[in-house]
C-alpha atoms as a PDB file:
ATOM      1  CA  MET A   1      17.347  23.694  -7.302  1.00  0.00           C
ATOM      2  CA  LYS A   2      16.754  20.801  -5.060  1.00  0.00           C
ATOM      3  CA  LEU A   3      19.718  19.367  -2.936  1.00  0.00           C
ATOM      4  CA  LEU A   4      20.816  15.696  -2.784  1.00  0.00           C
ATOM      5  CA  TYR A   5      22.288  14.295   0.318  1.00  0.00           C
ATOM      6  CA  LEU A   6      25.297  11.930  -0.058  1.00  0.00           C
ATOM      7  CA  THR A   7      26.941  10.078   2.749  1.00  0.00           C
ATOM      8  CA  GLU A   8      30.622  10.540   3.457  1.00  0.00           C
ATOM      9  CA  PRO A   9      31.452   6.942   2.502  1.00  0.00           C
ATOM     10  CA  GLN A  10      29.443   7.570  -0.709  1.00  0.00           C
ATOM     11  CA  LEU A  11      31.564  10.419  -1.536  1.00  0.00           C
ATOM     12  CA  GLU A  12      34.674   8.728  -1.007  1.00  0.00           C
ATOM     13  CA  GLY A  13      33.321   5.865  -3.159  1.00  0.00           C
ATOM     14  CA  ILE A  14      32.385   8.283  -5.984  1.00  0.00           C
ATOM     15  CA  LYS A  15      36.033   9.438  -5.563  1.00  0.00           C
ATOM     16  CA  ARG A  16      37.569   6.299  -5.896  1.00  0.00           C
ATOM     17  CA  ALA A  17      35.405   5.067  -8.916  1.00  0.00           C
ATOM     18  CA  ILE A  18      36.500   8.481 -10.820  1.00  0.00           C
ATOM     19  CA  GLU A  19      40.070   7.744  -9.868  1.00  0.00           C
ATOM     20  CA  GLU A  20      39.925   4.403 -11.214  1.00  0.00           C
ATOM     21  CA  GLU A  21      38.581   5.603 -14.619  1.00  0.00           C
ATOM     22  CA  VAL A  22      41.117   8.245 -14.651  1.00  0.00           C
ATOM     23  CA  ASP A  23      43.967   5.850 -13.986  1.00  0.00           C
ATOM     24  CA  LYS A  24      42.590   3.631 -17.213  1.00  0.00           C
ATOM     25  CA  SER A  25      42.789   6.910 -19.235  1.00  0.00           C
ATOM     26  CA  ALA A  26      46.568   7.094 -18.755  1.00  0.00           C
ATOM     27  CA  SER A  27      46.744   4.870 -21.945  1.00  0.00           C
ATOM     28  CA  PRO A  28      46.985   6.558 -24.950  1.00  0.00           C
ATOM     29  CA  ASP A  29      44.270   4.079 -26.439  1.00  0.00           C
ATOM     30  CA  TYR A  30      41.669   4.734 -23.769  1.00  0.00           C
ATOM     31  CA  ASN A  31      39.957   8.170 -23.284  1.00  0.00           C
ATOM     32  CA  ILE A  32      37.201   9.483 -21.318  1.00  0.00           C
ATOM     33  CA  ASP A  33      34.594  11.493 -23.235  1.00  0.00           C
ATOM     34  CA  SER A  34      32.235  12.297 -20.100  1.00  0.00           C
ATOM     35  CA  ILE A  35      31.449  11.415 -16.729  1.00  0.00           C
ATOM     36  CA  LYS A  36      27.946  12.073 -15.156  1.00  0.00           C
ATOM     37  CA  TYR A  37      26.679  11.888 -11.786  1.00  0.00           C
ATOM     38  CA  LEU A  38      23.098  10.347 -11.865  1.00  0.00           C
ATOM     39  CA  TYR A  39      20.245   9.588  -9.431  1.00  0.00           C
ATOM     40  CA  ASN A  40      17.423   7.275  -9.647  1.00  0.00           C
ATOM     41  CA  PRO A  41      14.293   7.625  -7.399  1.00  0.00           C
ATOM     42  CA  ASN A  42      13.704   3.831  -7.884  1.00  0.00           C
ATOM     43  CA  SER A  43      17.149   3.114  -6.058  1.00  0.00           C
ATOM     44  CA  PRO A  44      17.583   5.991  -3.616  1.00  0.00           C
ATOM     45  CA  GLN A  45      20.434   4.239  -1.673  1.00  0.00           C
ATOM     46  CA  HIS A  46      22.613   4.112  -4.795  1.00  0.00           C
ATOM     47  CA  ILE A  47      24.346   7.020  -6.893  1.00  0.00           C
ATOM     48  CA  PHE A  48      25.180   6.086 -10.428  1.00  0.00           C
ATOM     49  CA  ILE A  49      28.174   7.375 -12.442  1.00  0.00           C
ATOM     50  CA  ARG A  50      27.827   7.160 -16.332  1.00  0.00           C
ATOM     51  CA  VAL A  51      31.279   7.014 -18.076  1.00  0.00           C
ATOM     52  CA  THR A  52      31.528   7.415 -21.852  1.00  0.00           C
ATOM     53  CA  THR A  53      34.823   6.378 -23.212  1.00  0.00           C
ATOM     54  CA  TYR A  54      36.424   5.896 -26.497  1.00  0.00           C
ATOM     55  CA  GLY A  55      39.660   4.793 -27.911  1.00  0.00           C
ATOM     56  CA  VAL A  56      41.377   1.996 -29.908  1.00  0.00           C
ATOM     57  CA  THR A  57      41.940  -1.603 -29.017  1.00  0.00           C
ATOM     58  CA  GLY A  58      43.715  -3.871 -31.158  1.00  0.00           C
ATOM     59  CA  GLY A  59      43.620  -1.533 -34.040  1.00  0.00           C
ATOM     60  CA  VAL A  60      39.727  -1.279 -33.845  1.00  0.00           C
ATOM     61  CA  PRO A  61      38.114   1.991 -32.580  1.00  0.00           C
ATOM     62  CA  PHE A  62      35.578   1.488 -29.834  1.00  0.00           C
ATOM     63  CA  SER A  63      33.132   3.710 -27.983  1.00  0.00           C
ATOM     64  CA  ASP A  64      31.615   2.437 -24.663  1.00  0.00           C
ATOM     65  CA  VAL A  65      29.227   3.623 -21.919  1.00  0.00           C
ATOM     66  CA  GLN A  66      29.422   2.252 -18.398  1.00  0.00           C
ATOM     67  CA  TYR A  67      27.369   2.519 -15.453  1.00  0.00           C
ATOM     68  CA  VAL A  68      28.963   2.443 -11.931  1.00  0.00           C
ATOM     69  CA  CYS A  69      26.944   2.172  -8.830  1.00  0.00           C
ATOM     70  CA  VAL A  70      27.980   3.524  -5.325  1.00  0.00           C
ATOM     71  CA  ASP A  71      25.780   2.755  -2.365  1.00  0.00           C
ATOM     72  CA  LYS A  72      25.475   4.441   0.896  1.00  0.00           C
ATOM     73  CA  ASN A  73      28.293   2.654   2.528  1.00  0.00           C
ATOM     74  CA  GLY A  74      30.700   3.698  -0.512  1.00  0.00           C
ATOM     75  CA  ASP A  75      30.807   0.147  -1.906  1.00  0.00           C
ATOM     76  CA  ILE A  76      31.408   0.220  -5.768  1.00  0.00           C
ATOM     77  CA  ASP A  77      29.457  -2.085  -8.116  1.00  0.00           C
ATOM     78  CA  SER A  78      29.201  -2.427 -11.899  1.00  0.00           C
ATOM     79  CA  CYS A  79      25.363  -2.171 -11.716  1.00  0.00           C
ATOM     80  CA  GLU A  80      24.810  -5.119 -13.897  1.00  0.00           C
ATOM     81  CA  ASN A  81      22.959  -7.287 -11.687  1.00  0.00           C
ATOM     82  CA  MET A  82      20.365  -4.658 -11.189  1.00  0.00           C
ATOM     83  CA  PHE A  83      18.943  -5.261 -14.523  1.00  0.00           C
ATOM     84  CA  PRO A  84      17.555  -8.728 -15.318  1.00  0.00           C
ATOM     85  CA  ASP A  85      16.896  -7.805 -18.842  1.00  0.00           C
ATOM     86  CA  LEU A  86      17.313  -4.959 -21.518  1.00  0.00           C
ATOM     87  CA  LYS A  87      13.698  -3.697 -21.110  1.00  0.00           C
ATOM     88  CA  SER A  88      14.101  -3.313 -17.376  1.00  0.00           C
ATOM     89  CA  ARG A  89      17.568  -1.468 -17.871  1.00  0.00           C
ATOM     90  CA  MET A  90      16.150   0.983 -20.480  1.00  0.00           C
ATOM     91  CA  ALA A  91      13.271   1.838 -18.180  1.00  0.00           C
ATOM     92  CA  PHE A  92      15.569   2.321 -15.159  1.00  0.00           C
ATOM     93  CA  ILE A  93      17.812   4.524 -17.311  1.00  0.00           C
ATOM     94  CA  GLY A  94      14.972   6.741 -18.452  1.00  0.00           C
ATOM     95  CA  ASP A  95      14.401   7.570 -14.790  1.00  0.00           C
ATOM     96  CA  PHE A  96      18.002   8.896 -14.098  1.00  0.00           C
ATOM     97  CA  ARG A  97      18.261  12.529 -12.966  1.00  0.00           C
ATOM     98  CA  GLU A  98      21.620  14.262 -13.612  1.00  0.00           C
ATOM     99  CA  PHE A  99      23.290  16.192 -10.607  1.00  0.00           C
ATOM    100  CA  GLN A 100      26.575  18.067 -10.139  1.00  0.00           C
ATOM    101  CA  ILE A 101      28.812  18.101  -7.265  1.00  0.00           C
ATOM    102  CA  LYS A 102      30.214  21.705  -6.797  1.00  0.00           C
ATOM    103  CA  ASP A 103      32.027  22.968  -3.606  1.00  0.00           C
ATOM    104  CA  GLY A 104      30.936  20.081  -1.586  1.00  0.00           C
ATOM    105  CA  VAL A 105      27.372  20.431  -2.602  1.00  0.00           C
ATOM    106  CA  ALA A 106      25.434  18.071  -4.683  1.00  0.00           C
ATOM    107  CA  LYS A 107      22.364  19.669  -6.675  1.00  0.00           C
ATOM    108  CA  PHE A 108      20.256  18.509  -9.508  1.00  0.00           C
ATOM    109  CA  ILE A 109      20.466  20.167 -12.741  1.00  0.00           C
END
């Protein structure tokens, strides 16, 4: 398995991004279905977090997928400005590689 090297600020940024999502899930109407860590060789300075959520808002059920970017400095962004159109976004998403962080080591799965 190949290892992925993350900076200390990047790890802190990932932790902050996850904590923000967990804080949102404190509401009974907002639930986290899954959180995945992703890497894209087209943007090696970023780590991406895919958050799948579901719940009820205003009596209407919803399901949503959001991508959060964390750069090498630990700065968090919504990734929206990285994709000028749907075609480029779909091509970029197709190149994602999932990895896991276990015992302080990031490995591709």
